[in-house]
Amino acid sequence: MVESQTEDIFHLYGHGDLYKRFKTPLYVTGLLDEVEEDVLEDFFENFELSSSILFDEFRFWFQYFSASKRNSFF
């Protein structure tokens, strides 16, 4: 996913402030580089994030969620 798509999805789900904080770590880690838009959208639909969440917490929960989706048999 490219940066503009990522930013749009964060804003769409009300996490614009998180995107501002996470923009650089997302770029440096490449966390969302190979992720489809619908996976990030599903994550935001299923997880309630605190505005004080740290990037490492976000990364942990996002990776947990995306791994569980890949390994789902349903």
N, C-alpha and C. Protein backbone atom coordinates (compact mmCIF):
# COMPACT_ATOMS: atom_id res chain seq x y z
N MET A 1 0.86 -1.16 0.00
CA MET A 1 0.00 0.00 0.00
C MET A 1 0.91 1.23 0.00
N VAL A 2 0.55 2.21 -0.78
CA VAL A 2 1.36 3.43 -0.84
C VAL A 2 0.94 4.39 0.27
N GLU A 3 1.80 5.37 0.51
CA GLU A 3 1.61 6.29 1.64
C GLU A 3 0.26 7.02 1.59
N SER A 4 -0.15 7.46 0.42
CA SER A 4 -1.41 8.21 0.33
C SER A 4 -2.61 7.32 0.66
N GLN A 5 -2.56 6.04 0.28
CA GLN A 5 -3.64 5.11 0.61
C GLN A 5 -3.69 4.89 2.13
N THR A 6 -2.52 4.72 2.72
CA THR A 6 -2.44 4.52 4.16
C THR A 6 -3.02 5.71 4.90
N GLU A 7 -2.61 6.89 4.50
CA GLU A 7 -3.09 8.11 5.15
C GLU A 7 -4.60 8.23 5.02
N ASP A 8 -5.13 7.95 3.84
CA ASP A 8 -6.58 8.03 3.61
C ASP A 8 -7.35 7.09 4.53
N ILE A 9 -6.86 5.88 4.67
CA ILE A 9 -7.55 4.90 5.52
C ILE A 9 -7.50 5.32 6.99
N PHE A 10 -6.35 5.77 7.45
CA PHE A 10 -6.25 6.26 8.83
C PHE A 10 -7.27 7.37 9.07
N HIS A 11 -7.34 8.32 8.14
CA HIS A 11 -8.28 9.44 8.29
C HIS A 11 -9.73 8.97 8.21
N LEU A 12 -10.02 8.06 7.30
CA LEU A 12 -11.37 7.54 7.12
C LEU A 12 -11.91 6.91 8.41
N TYR A 13 -11.04 6.26 9.16
CA TYR A 13 -11.46 5.59 10.39
C TYR A 13 -11.21 6.44 11.64
N GLY A 14 -10.94 7.73 11.44
CA GLY A 14 -10.81 8.64 12.57
C GLY A 14 -9.48 8.59 13.30
N HIS A 15 -8.45 8.11 12.62
CA HIS A 15 -7.14 7.97 13.25
C HIS A 15 -6.09 8.88 12.59
N GLY A 16 -6.52 10.05 12.15
CA GLY A 16 -5.61 10.99 11.51
C GLY A 16 -4.45 11.40 12.41
N ASP A 17 -4.74 11.59 13.70
CA ASP A 17 -3.68 11.97 14.65
C ASP A 17 -2.66 10.84 14.81
N LEU A 18 -3.15 9.60 14.83
CA LEU A 18 -2.22 8.47 14.91
C LEU A 18 -1.34 8.42 13.67
N TYR A 19 -1.93 8.68 12.52
CA TYR A 19 -1.13 8.65 11.30
C TYR A 19 -0.01 9.69 11.35
N LYS A 20 -0.32 10.86 11.86
CA LYS A 20 0.72 11.90 11.99
C LYS A 20 1.87 11.41 12.86
N ARG A 21 1.53 10.73 13.95
CA ARG A 21 2.56 10.21 14.87
C ARG A 21 3.30 9.02 14.28
N PHE A 22 2.59 8.17 13.52
CA PHE A 22 3.15 6.92 13.04
C PHE A 22 3.72 7.00 11.62
N LYS A 23 3.59 8.13 10.97
CA LYS A 23 4.00 8.25 9.57
C LYS A 23 5.45 7.81 9.36
N THR A 24 6.36 8.33 10.14
CA THR A 24 7.77 7.98 9.99
C THR A 24 8.04 6.53 10.37
N PRO A 25 7.57 6.04 11.53
CA PRO A 25 7.82 4.63 11.86
C PRO A 25 7.20 3.67 10.83
N LEU A 26 6.05 4.02 10.28
CA LEU A 26 5.45 3.18 9.24
C LEU A 26 6.35 3.11 8.02
N TYR A 27 6.92 4.25 7.65
CA TYR A 27 7.82 4.29 6.50
C TYR A 27 9.10 3.51 6.78
N VAL A 28 9.70 3.73 7.95
CA VAL A 28 10.97 3.10 8.29
C VAL A 28 10.83 1.58 8.40
N THR A 29 9.76 1.12 9.05
CA THR A 29 9.59 -0.32 9.25
C THR A 29 9.01 -1.02 8.03
N GLY A 30 8.33 -0.27 7.17
CA GLY A 30 7.69 -0.89 6.01
C GLY A 30 6.52 -1.78 6.40
N LEU A 31 5.97 -1.54 7.57
CA LEU A 31 4.91 -2.40 8.11
C LEU A 31 3.74 -2.59 7.14
N LEU A 32 3.36 -1.53 6.45
CA LEU A 32 2.18 -1.61 5.59
C LEU A 32 2.52 -1.65 4.10
N ASP A 33 3.80 -1.78 3.77
CA ASP A 33 4.21 -1.75 2.37
C ASP A 33 3.57 -2.85 1.51
N GLU A 34 3.48 -4.04 2.04
CA GLU A 34 2.96 -5.18 1.28
C GLU A 34 1.56 -5.59 1.72
N VAL A 35 0.86 -4.68 2.38
CA VAL A 35 -0.47 -4.98 2.92
C VAL A 35 -1.55 -4.41 2.00
N GLU A 36 -2.59 -5.18 1.78
CA GLU A 36 -3.73 -4.72 1.00
C GLU A 36 -4.57 -3.77 1.85
N GLU A 37 -5.22 -2.83 1.19
CA GLU A 37 -6.04 -1.83 1.89
C GLU A 37 -7.10 -2.47 2.78
N ASP A 38 -7.73 -3.53 2.29
CA ASP A 38 -8.83 -4.14 3.05
C ASP A 38 -8.37 -4.74 4.37
N VAL A 39 -7.11 -5.14 4.47
CA VAL A 39 -6.60 -5.69 5.73
C VAL A 39 -6.52 -4.59 6.79
N LEU A 40 -6.01 -3.43 6.41
CA LEU A 40 -5.95 -2.30 7.36
C LEU A 40 -7.36 -1.84 7.72
N GLU A 41 -8.26 -1.81 6.74
CA GLU A 41 -9.64 -1.43 7.02
C GLU A 41 -10.29 -2.41 7.98
N ASP A 42 -10.10 -3.72 7.76
CA ASP A 42 -10.63 -4.74 8.67
C ASP A 42 -10.06 -4.58 10.07
N PHE A 43 -8.78 -4.27 10.14
CA PHE A 43 -8.15 -4.06 11.44
C PHE A 43 -8.83 -2.92 12.18
N PHE A 44 -9.02 -1.80 11.52
CA PHE A 44 -9.65 -0.65 12.17
C PHE A 44 -11.11 -0.92 12.53
N GLU A 45 -11.78 -1.76 11.76
CA GLU A 45 -13.17 -2.11 12.06
C GLU A 45 -13.27 -3.03 13.27
N ASN A 46 -12.22 -3.80 13.54
CA ASN A 46 -12.28 -4.80 14.60
C ASN A 46 -11.50 -4.45 15.86
N PHE A 47 -10.67 -3.43 15.82
CA PHE A 47 -9.89 -3.04 16.99
C PHE A 47 -10.22 -1.62 17.38
N GLU A 48 -10.38 -1.41 18.66
CA GLU A 48 -10.58 -0.07 19.19
C GLU A 48 -9.23 0.39 19.73
N LEU A 49 -8.71 1.45 19.14
CA LEU A 49 -7.38 1.94 19.50
C LEU A 49 -7.47 3.18 20.36
N SER A 50 -6.68 3.20 21.39
CA SER A 50 -6.56 4.39 22.23
C SER A 50 -5.72 5.43 21.50
N SER A 51 -6.04 6.68 21.70
CA SER A 51 -5.26 7.75 21.06
C SER A 51 -3.85 7.82 21.61
N SER A 52 -3.61 7.16 22.75
CA SER A 52 -2.27 7.18 23.36
C SER A 52 -1.46 5.93 23.04
N ILE A 53 -1.95 5.09 22.13
CA ILE A 53 -1.25 3.86 21.78
C ILE A 53 0.13 4.19 21.21
N LEU A 54 1.10 3.38 21.57
CA LEU A 54 2.45 3.53 21.06
C LEU A 54 2.59 2.76 19.75
N PHE A 55 3.54 3.16 18.93
CA PHE A 55 3.71 2.49 17.64
C PHE A 55 4.00 1.00 17.81
N ASP A 56 4.83 0.64 18.78
CA ASP A 56 5.14 -0.78 18.98
C ASP A 56 3.89 -1.59 19.33
N GLU A 57 2.98 -1.01 20.10
CA GLU A 57 1.72 -1.69 20.42
C GLU A 57 0.88 -1.84 19.16
N PHE A 58 0.79 -0.75 18.39
CA PHE A 58 0.04 -0.80 17.14
C PHE A 58 0.62 -1.88 16.23
N ARG A 59 1.93 -1.91 16.08
CA ARG A 59 2.57 -2.90 15.21
C ARG A 59 2.29 -4.32 15.69
N PHE A 60 2.39 -4.55 17.00
CA PHE A 60 2.11 -5.88 17.55
C PHE A 60 0.70 -6.32 17.21
N TRP A 61 -0.30 -5.47 17.52
CA TRP A 61 -1.68 -5.85 17.29
C TRP A 61 -2.02 -5.98 15.80
N PHE A 62 -1.44 -5.12 14.97
CA PHE A 62 -1.69 -5.22 13.54
C PHE A 62 -1.09 -6.51 12.98
N GLN A 63 0.13 -6.84 13.38
CA GLN A 63 0.75 -8.07 12.90
C GLN A 63 0.01 -9.30 13.42
N TYR A 64 -0.44 -9.27 14.65
CA TYR A 64 -1.24 -10.36 15.21
C TYR A 64 -2.52 -10.54 14.40
N PHE A 65 -3.21 -9.43 14.13
CA PHE A 65 -4.45 -9.47 13.37
C PHE A 65 -4.22 -9.98 11.95
N SER A 66 -3.23 -9.44 11.27
CA SER A 66 -3.01 -9.84 9.88
C SER A 66 -2.55 -11.29 9.79
N ALA A 67 -1.75 -11.76 10.75
CA ALA A 67 -1.34 -13.17 10.76
C ALA A 67 -2.53 -14.07 11.00
N SER A 68 -3.44 -13.67 11.87
CA SER A 68 -4.62 -14.50 12.14
C SER A 68 -5.53 -14.56 10.92
N LYS A 69 -5.58 -13.47 10.14
CA LYS A 69 -6.40 -13.47 8.92
C LYS A 69 -5.78 -14.40 7.86
N ARG A 70 -4.45 -14.41 7.76
CA ARG A 70 -3.77 -15.25 6.77
C ARG A 70 -3.95 -16.73 7.11
N ASN A 71 -4.00 -17.04 8.39
CA ASN A 71 -4.06 -18.43 8.82
C ASN A 71 -5.48 -18.90 9.09
N SER A 72 -6.46 -18.08 8.76
CA SER A 72 -7.84 -18.45 8.97
C SER A 72 -8.32 -19.40 7.88
N PHE A 73 -9.07 -20.39 8.26
CA PHE A 73 -9.60 -21.34 7.31
C PHE A 73 -11.01 -21.00 6.87
N PHE A 74 -11.53 -19.89 7.33
CA PHE A 74 -12.91 -19.52 7.03
C PHE A 74 -12.98 -18.52 5.92
